[in-house]
Amino acid sequence: MKTLTGLDGMQSQGDPTKDMGLVICAGCDELIDTLPTDGVKIFHSQCGREECKSRISEEW
C-alpha cells in the first residue's frame, strides 16, 4: 500500500480539518477521496478503472 501523503486538493468541501476519513481503492490501493469524519477511518471502494474491476471480481 502506498504511503498517503500530500492530500492537498483531495479534500471534499467543508472544514478540511474534519476530512479524516480516507476512501481507498480495494484493487490498486490508490487514494480516491477524503470524507469528513469524527476520527480517522478507512473505507475501501473501487476507483472505476478496468484493471481494478477485473482484479476485484477475480478475487471474489
Protein backbone atom coordinates (compact mmCIF):
# COMPACT_ATOMS: atom_id res chain seq x y z
CA MET A 1 0.00 0.00 0.00
CA LYS A 2 1.25 3.44 -0.82
CA THR A 3 2.01 5.99 1.85
CA LEU A 4 -0.77 8.55 1.95
CA THR A 5 0.87 11.96 1.97
CA GLY A 6 0.11 15.23 0.28
CA LEU A 7 -3.66 15.17 0.46
CA ASP A 8 -3.82 18.74 -0.90
CA GLY A 9 -6.59 19.07 -3.45
CA MET A 10 -8.16 15.74 -2.45
CA GLN A 11 -10.34 17.12 0.33
CA SER A 12 -14.07 17.38 -0.16
CA GLN A 13 -15.93 20.60 0.54
CA GLY A 14 -16.36 21.66 4.12
CA ASP A 15 -13.98 22.01 7.02
CA PRO A 16 -10.68 20.44 5.86
CA THR A 17 -9.70 19.63 9.44
CA LYS A 18 -12.64 17.18 9.62
CA ASP A 19 -11.68 15.25 6.44
CA MET A 20 -10.06 12.40 8.30
CA GLY A 21 -11.89 9.59 6.50
CA LEU A 22 -10.00 8.05 3.59
CA VAL A 23 -11.58 6.22 0.64
CA ILE A 24 -9.04 3.79 -0.83
CA CYS A 25 -9.43 1.58 -3.91
CA ALA A 26 -9.51 -2.10 -2.94
CA GLY A 27 -7.87 -3.03 -6.25
CA CYS A 28 -4.90 -0.67 -6.54
CA ASP A 29 -4.69 0.94 -3.06
CA GLU A 30 -4.89 4.45 -4.55
CA LEU A 31 -6.47 7.25 -2.55
CA ILE A 32 -9.84 8.03 -4.16
CA ASP A 33 -11.19 10.77 -1.89
CA THR A 34 -11.45 12.01 1.68
CA LEU A 35 -14.56 12.30 3.83
CA PRO A 36 -15.48 14.42 6.81
CA THR A 37 -15.46 12.07 9.82
CA ASP A 38 -15.09 12.39 13.58
CA GLY A 39 -11.86 10.40 13.54
CA VAL A 40 -9.50 8.55 11.24
CA LYS A 41 -11.46 5.96 9.27
CA ILE A 42 -10.51 3.98 6.16
CA PHE A 43 -13.14 2.92 3.65
CA HIS A 44 -12.48 0.61 0.71
CA SER A 45 -14.23 1.05 -2.62
CA GLN A 46 -13.44 0.84 -6.34
CA CYS A 47 -11.74 3.59 -8.31
CA GLY A 48 -13.52 2.60 -11.53
CA ARG A 49 -10.51 1.61 -13.63
CA GLU A 50 -10.98 -1.60 -15.64
CA GLU A 51 -7.87 -3.24 -14.14
CA CYS A 52 -9.29 -2.82 -10.64
CA LYS A 53 -12.76 -4.02 -11.58
CA SER A 54 -11.38 -7.23 -13.09
CA ARG A 55 -8.92 -7.81 -10.22
CA ILE A 56 -11.62 -7.43 -7.58
CA SER A 57 -14.12 -9.65 -9.48
CA GLU A 58 -11.45 -12.38 -9.82
CA GLU A 59 -10.78 -12.34 -6.08
CA TRP A 60 -14.48 -12.70 -5.23
